[in-house]
Structures are given as structure tokens and as C-alpha cells.
Amino acid sequence: MNLNDLGADSLKSTFFDFKWSAATSPDGATVGLGTDTGPLAICYRSDLFKKAGLPTDPATLSQQWSTWQGYVDVGKQYMANAPAKSAFMDTAGGMFNAIIGQSPTTYYDKDGNLIYATNPVVKNAWDTSMQAVTAGESAKLKQFDTAWNQGFANGAFATIACPAWMLGYIKGEAGDAGSGKWNVASIPGGGGNWGGSYLSIPTTSSHQKEAYELIKWLTAPEQQITMWTKEQHFPSSSTAAEEPTVATATDPYFSGADIGKVFASSAENLPVATLGPKDGVIKDDFSNGILLVEQNGDSPDEAWSKTLDQIESDIG
């Protein structure tokens, strides 16, 4: 349904622009209300950083890797004295997707034309990620595989581009033994988004008004504040994000990190992105293309060419 027909347009000012626009069709219809969003930061193992002789303070690290090149450079320093069986990052695929998420146009232009093969933003993200791979900074893991899950606890990697919801994921995988070993710093480039959900109403619903009242309540600032304070799902409501209980939140598991400040700053710096129908397919193909270099030993140029061929095959 176009939720504006039920009054949703009056709620627009309470949501982040990037969140609202992602559920808005070209003709202005609003097809979903956002529950949460996934602003990005860098989650890192401060104990491993200390063993490698690197700073562990979030403010210092945020400054050192204010750019993605800076992040790669810190990775080189880490690998020079890295603890045994530890890499700087989980996979360059996570880094690639984080860089991509900072641009208003990536795989499609504003007119809906595919530009993944010619957009310099995409190629720059690839080339920067390949710097990290060729420097040996990646643990060469596929995200959400068993080995990747285990890596949160066994020190297989020291950093990961993490959305707010991943704080809970890390706690679950690293367990009590990980408490105080992790910390959170700002993401290079200042912003980025990974994840977040919407609630919509099918046109076949026989209780459209009641359904709208429910999703309006579920996505109201008060409920989004509760989701953040209880489970670290960051609000898609800019109104909720400004509340002190959100903006000043800290987390003892992550060494007392100022998670409210870090993730709020990330959300504020997010662009209104242009999305297309095959965005997810293209994203997965690029992630798999990076694994060709990390796990199969392809050269960056070979993997780039194979990835473009795979995307063309997949999207038709």
C-alpha cells in the first residue's frame, strides 16, 4: 500500500532522509515505515591492537583512519607485529561494501541506468580493498560462515566494519570472554549503512487502517528508543536518535565505548542513496569476486573481469 493514503506523509520529518527515501517510489508513494537502521562504525579488538603495539583509544584510531587509505595504512602497521593467526580485518568484502555505502550513487544512476561497471566510486572501492588484500590484511573469511562466526572469539581478525545491530551479534559470538576486549571507533569517511528493516501493508489486507495504526506505533520514536537501549538496533527515526538515552549511550562490553555518539554521527552523515532492483544481486557478486582474490588466488584484475561477467549473467 501507499502508506501516504493512510497519513504516513505526516511522519516524514521524524525519520532520517536516507531511510525514508529508500521506501519511497519515484512517483512519491511510501511503501514502508522504517523500524531501525544500520549506521556503520569500526569494531575492533583493543587487546590485539595492544599486542601489535598500536594505539587502542577510539579517538586516536578514528583520526588515524579518517580515510579508507588511512585504514589500510593502519592495517599494514598491525600486520607488521600482528599476534599469531590474526589478520587486521575479516574480509575486504566488508570494507568494499562499507565504502560503497557512503556514496549516493553506486550500481545505478538516478535515472535507473546500470553503472556498476563504469562508476569510479565502485572501481575505487575495489582498488582500495585490493590494497588491503595484497598487503595480507584480510583473514579471507566469508561473512556469516562458521569460520567467520568463530573469528569473533578466536582473534582471527582485529577489525570489522560493523553496523549498530552487529554489537549484539558480536556479544553472541564472542561470549562473556570477549567483554572488555572489543571497542568501537568511527568508520573511515564518517558514515555508511548496512541493514535496517521496514514494515509494510499488502494491498490485499482487509484491515488496512488497523495495520497502519500498528506499524505507526511500532516505528514511533518511543519504540525505537527501546529497541536501541535494549538490543542496540539504532533508530531510523531522527527524532529518536536525538534523545539523550540514545545519543549518550555507552556499552561496558565494548570497553565503555560511546556507541550513541559514534553511531549517531554515522547516521547523520549518510547520503540519500539511489537503489535499483538488482542491488542485492550485484552486491553479492562483488563480495564473491573479492573472495576470488582472497581465497582462490586470482589477481585483482582477473577477479574484477570475472565479477563483471558474473553480474551481467545474473542480472540478464
C-alpha atoms as a PDB file:
ATOM      1  CA  MET A   1       0.000   0.000   0.000  1.00  0.00           C
ATOM      2  CA  ASN A   2       0.908   3.616  -0.390  1.00  0.00           C
ATOM      3  CA  LEU A   3       1.019   4.468   3.301  1.00  0.00           C
ATOM      4  CA  ASN A   4       0.603   8.148   2.496  1.00  0.00           C
ATOM      5  CA  ASP A   5      -3.043   7.346   1.773  1.00  0.00           C
ATOM      6  CA  LEU A   6      -3.337   6.493   5.463  1.00  0.00           C
ATOM      7  CA  GLY A   7      -1.474   9.557   6.705  1.00  0.00           C
ATOM      8  CA  ALA A   8       2.176   8.428   6.718  1.00  0.00           C
ATOM      9  CA  ASP A   9       3.380  11.578   4.943  1.00  0.00           C
ATOM     10  CA  SER A  10       2.870  13.445   8.220  1.00  0.00           C
ATOM     11  CA  LEU A  11       5.617  11.300   9.775  1.00  0.00           C
ATOM     12  CA  LYS A  12       8.328  12.072   7.215  1.00  0.00           C
ATOM     13  CA  SER A  13      10.043  14.750   9.301  1.00  0.00           C
ATOM     14  CA  THR A  14      10.595  12.281  12.161  1.00  0.00           C
ATOM     15  CA  PHE A  15      12.696   9.892  10.039  1.00  0.00           C
ATOM     16  CA  PHE A  16      16.191  10.188   8.610  1.00  0.00           C
ATOM     17  CA  ASP A  17      16.002  11.295   4.974  1.00  0.00           C
ATOM     18  CA  PHE A  18      18.065   8.331   3.741  1.00  0.00           C
ATOM     19  CA  LYS A  19      15.723   5.894   5.490  1.00  0.00           C
ATOM     20  CA  TRP A  20      12.506   7.480   4.298  1.00  0.00           C
ATOM     21  CA  SER A  21      13.669   7.849   0.695  1.00  0.00           C
ATOM     22  CA  ALA A  22      14.638   4.178   0.412  1.00  0.00           C
ATOM     23  CA  ALA A  23      10.956   3.245   0.861  1.00  0.00           C
ATOM     24  CA  THR A  24       9.683   5.949  -1.473  1.00  0.00           C
ATOM     25  CA  SER A  25       8.840   5.149  -5.100  1.00  0.00           C
ATOM     26  CA  PRO A  26       9.653   7.512  -7.981  1.00  0.00           C
ATOM     27  CA  ASP A  27       6.041   8.719  -8.002  1.00  0.00           C
ATOM     28  CA  GLY A  28       6.190   9.588  -4.282  1.00  0.00           C
ATOM     29  CA  ALA A  29       4.435   6.591  -2.749  1.00  0.00           C
ATOM     30  CA  THR A  30       5.656   5.493   0.690  1.00  0.00           C
ATOM     31  CA  VAL A  31       5.616   1.698   0.876  1.00  0.00           C
ATOM     32  CA  GLY A  32       7.144   1.093   4.321  1.00  0.00           C
ATOM     33  CA  LEU A  33       7.946   2.647   7.686  1.00  0.00           C
ATOM     34  CA  GLY A  34      11.449   2.016   8.987  1.00  0.00           C
ATOM     35  CA  THR A  35      11.985   0.107  12.219  1.00  0.00           C
ATOM     36  CA  ASP A  36      15.746   0.582  12.532  1.00  0.00           C
ATOM     37  CA  THR A  37      18.857   1.314  10.501  1.00  0.00           C
ATOM     38  CA  GLY A  38      22.456   0.147  10.351  1.00  0.00           C
ATOM     39  CA  PRO A  39      24.898   3.067  10.626  1.00  0.00           C
ATOM     40  CA  LEU A  40      28.472   1.818  10.433  1.00  0.00           C
ATOM     41  CA  ALA A  41      31.470   2.047  12.733  1.00  0.00           C
ATOM     42  CA  ILE A  42      34.653   0.032  13.128  1.00  0.00           C
ATOM     43  CA  CYS A  43      34.506  -2.594  15.857  1.00  0.00           C
ATOM     44  CA  TYR A  44      37.984  -3.682  16.889  1.00  0.00           C
ATOM     45  CA  ARG A  45      39.830  -5.906  19.327  1.00  0.00           C
ATOM     46  CA  SER A  46      41.700  -3.481  21.559  1.00  0.00           C
ATOM     47  CA  ASP A  47      43.621  -6.335  23.214  1.00  0.00           C
ATOM     48  CA  LEU A  48      45.012  -7.440  19.846  1.00  0.00           C
ATOM     49  CA  PHE A  49      45.857  -3.848  18.949  1.00  0.00           C
ATOM     50  CA  LYS A  50      47.814  -3.548  22.180  1.00  0.00           C
ATOM     51  CA  LYS A  51      49.768  -6.731  21.421  1.00  0.00           C
ATOM     52  CA  ALA A  52      50.590  -5.351  17.966  1.00  0.00           C
ATOM     53  CA  GLY A  53      51.905  -2.130  19.515  1.00  0.00           C
ATOM     54  CA  LEU A  54      49.124   0.076  18.163  1.00  0.00           C
ATOM     55  CA  PRO A  55      47.017   2.716  19.945  1.00  0.00           C
ATOM     56  CA  THR A  56      43.816   1.399  21.490  1.00  0.00           C
ATOM     57  CA  ASP A  57      41.999   4.701  22.116  1.00  0.00           C
ATOM     58  CA  PRO A  58      38.946   5.132  19.826  1.00  0.00           C
ATOM     59  CA  ALA A  59      39.542   8.862  19.274  1.00  0.00           C
ATOM     60  CA  THR A  60      43.143   8.287  18.215  1.00  0.00           C
ATOM     61  CA  LEU A  61      42.232   5.459  15.865  1.00  0.00           C
ATOM     62  CA  SER A  62      39.283   7.361  14.391  1.00  0.00           C
ATOM     63  CA  GLN A  63      41.701  10.136  13.489  1.00  0.00           C
ATOM     64  CA  GLN A  64      44.314   7.775  12.051  1.00  0.00           C
ATOM     65  CA  TRP A  65      41.791   6.055   9.801  1.00  0.00           C
ATOM     66  CA  SER A  66      39.614   9.053   8.970  1.00  0.00           C
ATOM     67  CA  THR A  67      40.031   7.927   5.339  1.00  0.00           C
ATOM     68  CA  TRP A  68      39.992   4.416   3.889  1.00  0.00           C
ATOM     69  CA  GLN A  69      43.592   4.807   2.819  1.00  0.00           C
ATOM     70  CA  GLY A  70      44.377   5.575   6.440  1.00  0.00           C
ATOM     71  CA  TYR A  71      42.561   2.399   7.447  1.00  0.00           C
ATOM     72  CA  VAL A  72      44.680   0.344   5.045  1.00  0.00           C
ATOM     73  CA  ASP A  73      47.818   2.032   6.365  1.00  0.00           C
ATOM     74  CA  VAL A  74      46.916   1.203   9.981  1.00  0.00           C
ATOM     75  CA  GLY A  75      46.351  -2.354   8.787  1.00  0.00           C
ATOM     76  CA  LYS A  76      49.903  -2.519   7.468  1.00  0.00           C
ATOM     77  CA  GLN A  77      51.189  -1.380  10.851  1.00  0.00           C
ATOM     78  CA  TYR A  78      49.078  -4.017  12.565  1.00  0.00           C
ATOM     79  CA  MET A  79      50.283  -6.827  10.306  1.00  0.00           C
ATOM     80  CA  ALA A  80      53.917  -5.891  10.947  1.00  0.00           C
ATOM     81  CA  ASN A  81      53.519  -7.084  14.561  1.00  0.00           C
ATOM     82  CA  ALA A  82      50.251  -8.985  14.478  1.00  0.00           C
ATOM     83  CA  PRO A  83      49.564 -11.676  17.070  1.00  0.00           C
ATOM     84  CA  ALA A  84      49.787 -15.201  15.683  1.00  0.00           C
ATOM     85  CA  LYS A  85      46.920 -16.314  13.443  1.00  0.00           C
ATOM     86  CA  SER A  86      45.388 -12.831  13.449  1.00  0.00           C
ATOM     87  CA  ALA A  87      44.611 -10.598  10.460  1.00  0.00           C
ATOM     88  CA  PHE A  88      43.672  -6.933  10.505  1.00  0.00           C
ATOM     89  CA  MET A  89      40.175  -7.347   9.005  1.00  0.00           C
ATOM     90  CA  ASP A  90      37.698 -10.164   8.487  1.00  0.00           C
ATOM     91  CA  THR A  91      37.357  -9.724   4.726  1.00  0.00           C
ATOM     92  CA  ALA A  92      37.951  -6.961   2.245  1.00  0.00           C
ATOM     93  CA  GLY A  93      34.389  -7.577   1.083  1.00  0.00           C
ATOM     94  CA  GLY A  94      33.085  -5.893   4.224  1.00  0.00           C
ATOM     95  CA  MET A  95      35.382  -2.960   3.611  1.00  0.00           C
ATOM     96  CA  PHE A  96      34.252  -2.733  -0.043  1.00  0.00           C
ATOM     97  CA  ASN A  97      30.572  -2.650   0.904  1.00  0.00           C
ATOM     98  CA  ALA A  98      31.204  -0.035   3.587  1.00  0.00           C
ATOM     99  CA  ILE A  99      32.897   2.253   1.055  1.00  0.00           C
ATOM    100  CA  ILE A 100      30.084   1.703  -1.430  1.00  0.00           C
ATOM    101  CA  GLY A 101      27.514   2.608   1.209  1.00  0.00           C
ATOM    102  CA  GLN A 102      28.962   6.105   1.541  1.00  0.00           C
ATOM    103  CA  SER A 103      28.037   7.167  -1.995  1.00  0.00           C
ATOM    104  CA  PRO A 104      24.638   8.417  -3.216  1.00  0.00           C
ATOM    105  CA  THR A 105      25.080   6.526  -6.499  1.00  0.00           C
ATOM    106  CA  THR A 106      26.752   3.132  -6.805  1.00  0.00           C
ATOM    107  CA  TYR A 107      25.290   0.472  -9.094  1.00  0.00           C
ATOM    108  CA  TYR A 108      22.501   2.584 -10.626  1.00  0.00           C
ATOM    109  CA  ASP A 109      22.325   6.250 -11.550  1.00  0.00           C
ATOM    110  CA  LYS A 110      19.372   8.446 -10.644  1.00  0.00           C
ATOM    111  CA  ASP A 111      17.617   7.557 -13.907  1.00  0.00           C
ATOM    112  CA  GLY A 112      17.768   3.839 -13.153  1.00  0.00           C
ATOM    113  CA  ASN A 113      20.607   3.021 -15.541  1.00  0.00           C
ATOM    114  CA  LEU A 114      23.168   0.398 -14.533  1.00  0.00           C
ATOM    115  CA  ILE A 115      26.577   1.996 -13.923  1.00  0.00           C
ATOM    116  CA  TYR A 116      28.361  -0.607 -11.759  1.00  0.00           C
ATOM    117  CA  ALA A 117      30.999  -1.226 -14.452  1.00  0.00           C
ATOM    118  CA  THR A 118      31.763   2.437 -15.153  1.00  0.00           C
ATOM    119  CA  ASN A 119      31.123   4.220 -11.855  1.00  0.00           C
ATOM    120  CA  PRO A 120      34.515   5.380 -10.481  1.00  0.00           C
ATOM    121  CA  VAL A 121      33.126   5.033  -6.950  1.00  0.00           C
ATOM    122  CA  VAL A 122      32.790   1.275  -7.457  1.00  0.00           C
ATOM    123  CA  LYS A 123      36.228   0.858  -9.036  1.00  0.00           C
ATOM    124  CA  ASN A 124      37.859   2.969  -6.307  1.00  0.00           C
ATOM    125  CA  ALA A 125      36.207   0.817  -3.627  1.00  0.00           C
ATOM    126  CA  TRP A 126      37.522  -2.273  -5.397  1.00  0.00           C
ATOM    127  CA  ASP A 127      41.054  -0.940  -5.789  1.00  0.00           C
ATOM    128  CA  THR A 128      41.264   0.267  -2.182  1.00  0.00           C
ATOM    129  CA  SER A 129      40.012  -3.087  -0.924  1.00  0.00           C
ATOM    130  CA  MET A 130      42.546  -4.869  -3.106  1.00  0.00           C
ATOM    131  CA  GLN A 131      45.313  -2.875  -1.431  1.00  0.00           C
ATOM    132  CA  ALA A 132      44.313  -4.463   1.847  1.00  0.00           C
ATOM    133  CA  VAL A 133      44.185  -7.959   0.343  1.00  0.00           C
ATOM    134  CA  THR A 134      47.552  -7.745  -1.383  1.00  0.00           C
ATOM    135  CA  ALA A 135      49.086  -6.377   1.835  1.00  0.00           C
ATOM    136  CA  GLY A 136      47.926  -9.513   3.644  1.00  0.00           C
ATOM    137  CA  GLU A 137      45.495  -7.676   5.921  1.00  0.00           C
ATOM    138  CA  SER A 138      42.456  -9.901   5.345  1.00  0.00           C
ATOM    139  CA  ALA A 139      41.524 -13.067   7.223  1.00  0.00           C
ATOM    140  CA  LYS A 140      39.932 -14.178   3.923  1.00  0.00           C
ATOM    141  CA  LEU A 141      36.663 -15.153   5.565  1.00  0.00           C
ATOM    142  CA  LYS A 142      33.173 -15.215   4.098  1.00  0.00           C
ATOM    143  CA  GLN A 143      30.780 -13.286   6.274  1.00  0.00           C
ATOM    144  CA  PHE A 144      28.258 -15.375   8.227  1.00  0.00           C
ATOM    145  CA  ASP A 145      30.105 -18.629   7.520  1.00  0.00           C
ATOM    146  CA  THR A 146      31.055 -20.766  10.537  1.00  0.00           C
ATOM    147  CA  ALA A 147      34.725 -19.730  10.463  1.00  0.00           C
ATOM    148  CA  TRP A 148      33.723 -16.057  10.370  1.00  0.00           C
ATOM    149  CA  ASN A 149      31.431 -16.505  13.365  1.00  0.00           C
ATOM    150  CA  GLN A 150      34.224 -18.228  15.260  1.00  0.00           C
ATOM    151  CA  GLY A 151      36.606 -15.409  14.370  1.00  0.00           C
ATOM    152  CA  PHE A 152      34.882 -13.022  16.784  1.00  0.00           C
ATOM    153  CA  ALA A 153      36.059 -15.170  19.679  1.00  0.00           C
ATOM    154  CA  ASN A 154      39.335 -16.686  18.480  1.00  0.00           C
ATOM    155  CA  GLY A 155      41.032 -13.485  17.295  1.00  0.00           C
ATOM    156  CA  ALA A 156      41.098 -14.375  13.597  1.00  0.00           C
ATOM    157  CA  PHE A 157      40.597 -10.677  12.825  1.00  0.00           C
ATOM    158  CA  ALA A 158      41.089  -7.446  14.739  1.00  0.00           C
ATOM    159  CA  THR A 159      38.640  -5.120  12.962  1.00  0.00           C
ATOM    160  CA  ILE A 160      35.339  -5.264  11.159  1.00  0.00           C
ATOM    161  CA  ALA A 161      33.083  -2.654   9.576  1.00  0.00           C
ATOM    162  CA  CYS A 162      30.130  -3.130  11.916  1.00  0.00           C
ATOM    163  CA  PRO A 163      26.591  -1.738  11.817  1.00  0.00           C
ATOM    164  CA  ALA A 164      24.926  -0.956  15.129  1.00  0.00           C
ATOM    165  CA  TRP A 165      22.976  -4.219  15.162  1.00  0.00           C
ATOM    166  CA  MET A 166      26.232  -6.179  14.972  1.00  0.00           C
ATOM    167  CA  LEU A 167      27.080  -5.188  18.540  1.00  0.00           C
ATOM    168  CA  GLY A 168      24.597  -7.789  19.709  1.00  0.00           C
ATOM    169  CA  TYR A 169      25.898 -10.269  17.153  1.00  0.00           C
ATOM    170  CA  ILE A 170      29.460  -9.868  18.433  1.00  0.00           C
ATOM    171  CA  LYS A 171      28.319 -10.365  22.021  1.00  0.00           C
ATOM    172  CA  GLY A 172      26.600 -13.571  20.999  1.00  0.00           C
ATOM    173  CA  GLU A 173      29.573 -14.982  19.089  1.00  0.00           C
ATOM    174  CA  ALA A 174      32.416 -13.762  21.331  1.00  0.00           C
ATOM    175  CA  GLY A 175      30.528 -14.503  24.544  1.00  0.00           C
ATOM    176  CA  ASP A 176      31.391 -13.340  28.041  1.00  0.00           C
ATOM    177  CA  ALA A 177      35.093 -13.907  27.383  1.00  0.00           C
ATOM    178  CA  GLY A 178      35.017 -11.104  24.810  1.00  0.00           C
ATOM    179  CA  SER A 179      33.738  -8.470  27.225  1.00  0.00           C
ATOM    180  CA  GLY A 180      36.244  -5.622  27.529  1.00  0.00           C
ATOM    181  CA  LYS A 181      38.324  -6.876  24.612  1.00  0.00           C
ATOM    182  CA  TRP A 182      36.270  -5.053  21.974  1.00  0.00           C
ATOM    183  CA  ASN A 183      35.872  -1.335  21.328  1.00  0.00           C
ATOM    184  CA  VAL A 184      34.171   0.910  18.762  1.00  0.00           C
ATOM    185  CA  ALA A 185      35.627   3.764  16.691  1.00  0.00           C
ATOM    186  CA  SER A 186      34.295   5.903  13.861  1.00  0.00           C
ATOM    187  CA  ILE A 187      34.163   4.482  10.350  1.00  0.00           C
ATOM    188  CA  PRO A 188      36.550   5.944   7.756  1.00  0.00           C
ATOM    189  CA  GLY A 189      34.704   8.519   5.699  1.00  0.00           C
ATOM    190  CA  GLY A 190      32.306   9.307   8.536  1.00  0.00           C
ATOM    191  CA  GLY A 191      29.196   7.322   7.591  1.00  0.00           C
ATOM    192  CA  GLY A 192      27.772   4.224   5.966  1.00  0.00           C
ATOM    193  CA  ASN A 193      24.800   1.910   6.304  1.00  0.00           C
ATOM    194  CA  TRP A 194      24.267  -1.833   6.430  1.00  0.00           C
ATOM    195  CA  GLY A 195      20.817  -3.114   7.187  1.00  0.00           C
ATOM    196  CA  GLY A 196      17.628  -1.988   8.829  1.00  0.00           C
ATOM    197  CA  SER A 197      14.058  -3.106   8.236  1.00  0.00           C
ATOM    198  CA  TYR A 198      10.661  -1.769   7.205  1.00  0.00           C
ATOM    199  CA  LEU A 199       7.051  -2.630   7.966  1.00  0.00           C
ATOM    200  CA  SER A 200       4.580  -2.547   5.070  1.00  0.00           C
ATOM    201  CA  ILE A 201       0.933  -3.385   4.403  1.00  0.00           C
ATOM    202  CA  PRO A 202      -0.151  -5.564   1.474  1.00  0.00           C
ATOM    203  CA  THR A 203      -2.919  -4.118  -0.660  1.00  0.00           C
ATOM    204  CA  THR A 204      -4.886  -7.333  -0.068  1.00  0.00           C
ATOM    205  CA  SER A 205      -5.173  -6.596   3.655  1.00  0.00           C
ATOM    206  CA  SER A 206      -8.750  -6.418   4.919  1.00  0.00           C
ATOM    207  CA  HIS A 207      -7.637  -4.413   7.970  1.00  0.00           C
ATOM    208  CA  GLN A 208      -5.560  -1.683   6.406  1.00  0.00           C
ATOM    209  CA  LYS A 209      -6.348   1.079   8.888  1.00  0.00           C
ATOM    210  CA  GLU A 210      -5.718  -1.157  11.888  1.00  0.00           C
ATOM    211  CA  ALA A 211      -2.488  -2.431  10.330  1.00  0.00           C
ATOM    212  CA  TYR A 212      -1.325   1.126   9.745  1.00  0.00           C
ATOM    213  CA  GLU A 213      -2.005   2.091  13.364  1.00  0.00           C
ATOM    214  CA  LEU A 214       0.070  -0.910  14.448  1.00  0.00           C
ATOM    215  CA  ILE A 215       3.107  -0.190  12.276  1.00  0.00           C
ATOM    216  CA  LYS A 216       2.854   3.504  13.108  1.00  0.00           C
ATOM    217  CA  TRP A 217       3.081   2.581  16.801  1.00  0.00           C
ATOM    218  CA  LEU A 218       5.855   0.019  16.291  1.00  0.00           C
ATOM    219  CA  THR A 219       8.034   2.538  14.430  1.00  0.00           C
ATOM    220  CA  ALA A 220       7.280   5.515  16.674  1.00  0.00           C
ATOM    221  CA  PRO A 221      10.292   7.174  18.345  1.00  0.00           C
ATOM    222  CA  GLU A 222       9.390   5.720  21.753  1.00  0.00           C
ATOM    223  CA  GLN A 223       9.599   2.138  20.493  1.00  0.00           C
ATOM    224  CA  GLN A 224      12.778   2.836  18.515  1.00  0.00           C
ATOM    225  CA  ILE A 225      14.427   4.195  21.657  1.00  0.00           C
ATOM    226  CA  THR A 226      13.531   0.963  23.463  1.00  0.00           C
ATOM    227  CA  MET A 227      14.945  -1.143  20.607  1.00  0.00           C
ATOM    228  CA  TRP A 228      18.230   0.757  20.861  1.00  0.00           C
ATOM    229  CA  THR A 229      18.602   0.710  24.628  1.00  0.00           C
ATOM    230  CA  LYS A 230      17.630  -2.980  24.900  1.00  0.00           C
ATOM    231  CA  GLU A 231      19.135  -4.568  21.783  1.00  0.00           C
ATOM    232  CA  GLN A 232      21.304  -1.926  20.022  1.00  0.00           C
ATOM    233  CA  HIS A 233      19.068  -1.580  16.964  1.00  0.00           C
ATOM    234  CA  PHE A 234      19.776   2.029  16.012  1.00  0.00           C
ATOM    235  CA  PRO A 235      16.710   4.199  15.282  1.00  0.00           C
ATOM    236  CA  SER A 236      15.630   5.079  11.774  1.00  0.00           C
ATOM    237  CA  SER A 237      13.839   7.965  13.473  1.00  0.00           C
ATOM    238  CA  SER A 238      15.945  11.109  13.601  1.00  0.00           C
ATOM    239  CA  THR A 239      13.690  12.259  16.441  1.00  0.00           C
ATOM    240  CA  ALA A 240      14.553   9.186  18.494  1.00  0.00           C
ATOM    241  CA  ALA A 241      18.261   9.489  17.666  1.00  0.00           C
ATOM    242  CA  GLU A 242      18.362  12.932  19.257  1.00  0.00           C
ATOM    243  CA  GLU A 243      17.074  11.693  22.612  1.00  0.00           C
ATOM    244  CA  PRO A 244      19.758  11.655  25.355  1.00  0.00           C
ATOM    245  CA  THR A 245      19.193   7.969  26.116  1.00  0.00           C
ATOM    246  CA  VAL A 246      20.205   7.222  22.523  1.00  0.00           C
ATOM    247  CA  ALA A 247      22.853   9.868  21.866  1.00  0.00           C
ATOM    248  CA  THR A 248      24.786   9.373  25.128  1.00  0.00           C
ATOM    249  CA  ALA A 249      24.610   5.575  25.309  1.00  0.00           C
ATOM    250  CA  THR A 250      27.726   3.624  26.238  1.00  0.00           C
ATOM    251  CA  ASP A 251      28.398  -0.108  26.322  1.00  0.00           C
ATOM    252  CA  PRO A 252      30.524  -1.786  29.008  1.00  0.00           C
ATOM    253  CA  TYR A 253      31.036  -4.885  26.839  1.00  0.00           C
ATOM    254  CA  PHE A 254      32.763  -2.661  24.279  1.00  0.00           C
ATOM    255  CA  SER A 255      35.097  -1.083  26.835  1.00  0.00           C
ATOM    256  CA  GLY A 256      32.619   1.671  27.644  1.00  0.00           C
ATOM    257  CA  ALA A 257      32.572   2.921  24.047  1.00  0.00           C
ATOM    258  CA  ASP A 258      30.402   5.970  23.273  1.00  0.00           C
ATOM    259  CA  ILE A 259      28.203   3.927  20.955  1.00  0.00           C
ATOM    260  CA  GLY A 260      25.400   6.508  20.884  1.00  0.00           C
ATOM    261  CA  LYS A 261      27.735   9.256  19.730  1.00  0.00           C
ATOM    262  CA  VAL A 262      29.582   7.084  17.197  1.00  0.00           C
ATOM    263  CA  PHE A 263      26.523   5.602  15.506  1.00  0.00           C
ATOM    264  CA  ALA A 264      24.521   8.845  15.616  1.00  0.00           C
ATOM    265  CA  SER A 265      27.377  10.625  13.852  1.00  0.00           C
ATOM    266  CA  SER A 266      27.491   7.870  11.244  1.00  0.00           C
ATOM    267  CA  ALA A 267      23.741   8.111  10.630  1.00  0.00           C
ATOM    268  CA  GLU A 268      23.896  11.887  10.265  1.00  0.00           C
ATOM    269  CA  ASN A 269      26.486  11.556   7.509  1.00  0.00           C
ATOM    270  CA  LEU A 270      24.573   9.082   5.363  1.00  0.00           C
ATOM    271  CA  PRO A 271      23.584  10.174   1.847  1.00  0.00           C
ATOM    272  CA  VAL A 272      20.209   9.625   0.234  1.00  0.00           C
ATOM    273  CA  ALA A 273      21.173   6.663  -1.931  1.00  0.00           C
ATOM    274  CA  THR A 274      19.893   5.585  -5.330  1.00  0.00           C
ATOM    275  CA  LEU A 275      18.852   1.930  -5.193  1.00  0.00           C
ATOM    276  CA  GLY A 276      17.868  -0.402  -8.009  1.00  0.00           C
ATOM    277  CA  PRO A 277      16.041  -3.736  -8.316  1.00  0.00           C
ATOM    278  CA  LYS A 278      19.242  -5.802  -8.615  1.00  0.00           C
ATOM    279  CA  ASP A 279      21.298  -4.022  -5.954  1.00  0.00           C
ATOM    280  CA  GLY A 280      21.411  -7.086  -3.720  1.00  0.00           C
ATOM    281  CA  VAL A 281      22.497  -9.400  -6.535  1.00  0.00           C
ATOM    282  CA  ILE A 282      25.269  -7.039  -7.621  1.00  0.00           C
ATOM    283  CA  LYS A 283      26.450  -6.562  -4.037  1.00  0.00           C
ATOM    284  CA  ASP A 284      26.726 -10.323  -3.513  1.00  0.00           C
ATOM    285  CA  ASP A 285      28.593 -10.787  -6.781  1.00  0.00           C
ATOM    286  CA  PHE A 286      31.171  -8.170  -5.822  1.00  0.00           C
ATOM    287  CA  SER A 287      31.622  -9.789  -2.400  1.00  0.00           C
ATOM    288  CA  ASN A 288      32.152 -13.159  -4.074  1.00  0.00           C
ATOM    289  CA  GLY A 289      34.532 -11.523  -6.552  1.00  0.00           C
ATOM    290  CA  ILE A 290      36.704 -10.302  -3.702  1.00  0.00           C
ATOM    291  CA  LEU A 291      36.770 -13.843  -2.328  1.00  0.00           C
ATOM    292  CA  LEU A 292      38.236 -14.950  -5.670  1.00  0.00           C
ATOM    293  CA  VAL A 293      41.298 -12.921  -4.759  1.00  0.00           C
ATOM    294  CA  GLU A 294      41.307 -13.759  -1.058  1.00  0.00           C
ATOM    295  CA  GLN A 295      40.623 -17.485  -1.270  1.00  0.00           C
ATOM    296  CA  ASN A 296      41.327 -18.575  -4.861  1.00  0.00           C
ATOM    297  CA  GLY A 297      44.424 -16.518  -5.544  1.00  0.00           C
ATOM    298  CA  ASP A 298      43.077 -14.655  -8.581  1.00  0.00           C
ATOM    299  CA  SER A 299      44.740 -11.346  -9.366  1.00  0.00           C
ATOM    300  CA  PRO A 300      42.639  -8.232  -8.663  1.00  0.00           C
ATOM    301  CA  ASP A 301      42.277  -7.576 -12.414  1.00  0.00           C
ATOM    302  CA  GLU A 302      41.252 -11.169 -13.140  1.00  0.00           C
ATOM    303  CA  ALA A 303      38.685 -11.117 -10.374  1.00  0.00           C
ATOM    304  CA  TRP A 304      37.303  -7.738 -11.484  1.00  0.00           C
ATOM    305  CA  SER A 305      36.757  -9.067 -15.007  1.00  0.00           C
ATOM    306  CA  LYS A 306      35.156 -12.292 -13.757  1.00  0.00           C
ATOM    307  CA  THR A 307      32.913 -10.339 -11.402  1.00  0.00           C
ATOM    308  CA  LEU A 308      31.611  -8.077 -14.150  1.00  0.00           C
ATOM    309  CA  ASP A 309      30.898 -11.153 -16.290  1.00  0.00           C
ATOM    310  CA  GLN A 310      29.079 -12.813 -13.410  1.00  0.00           C
ATOM    311  CA  ILE A 311      26.950  -9.722 -12.750  1.00  0.00           C
ATOM    312  CA  GLU A 312      25.990  -9.474 -16.403  1.00  0.00           C
ATOM    313  CA  SER A 313      24.977 -13.152 -16.355  1.00  0.00           C
ATOM    314  CA  ASP A 314      22.993 -12.815 -13.128  1.00  0.00           C
ATOM    315  CA  ILE A 315      21.034  -9.683 -13.923  1.00  0.00           C
ATOM    316  CA  GLY A 316      20.258 -10.658 -17.531  1.00  0.00           C
END
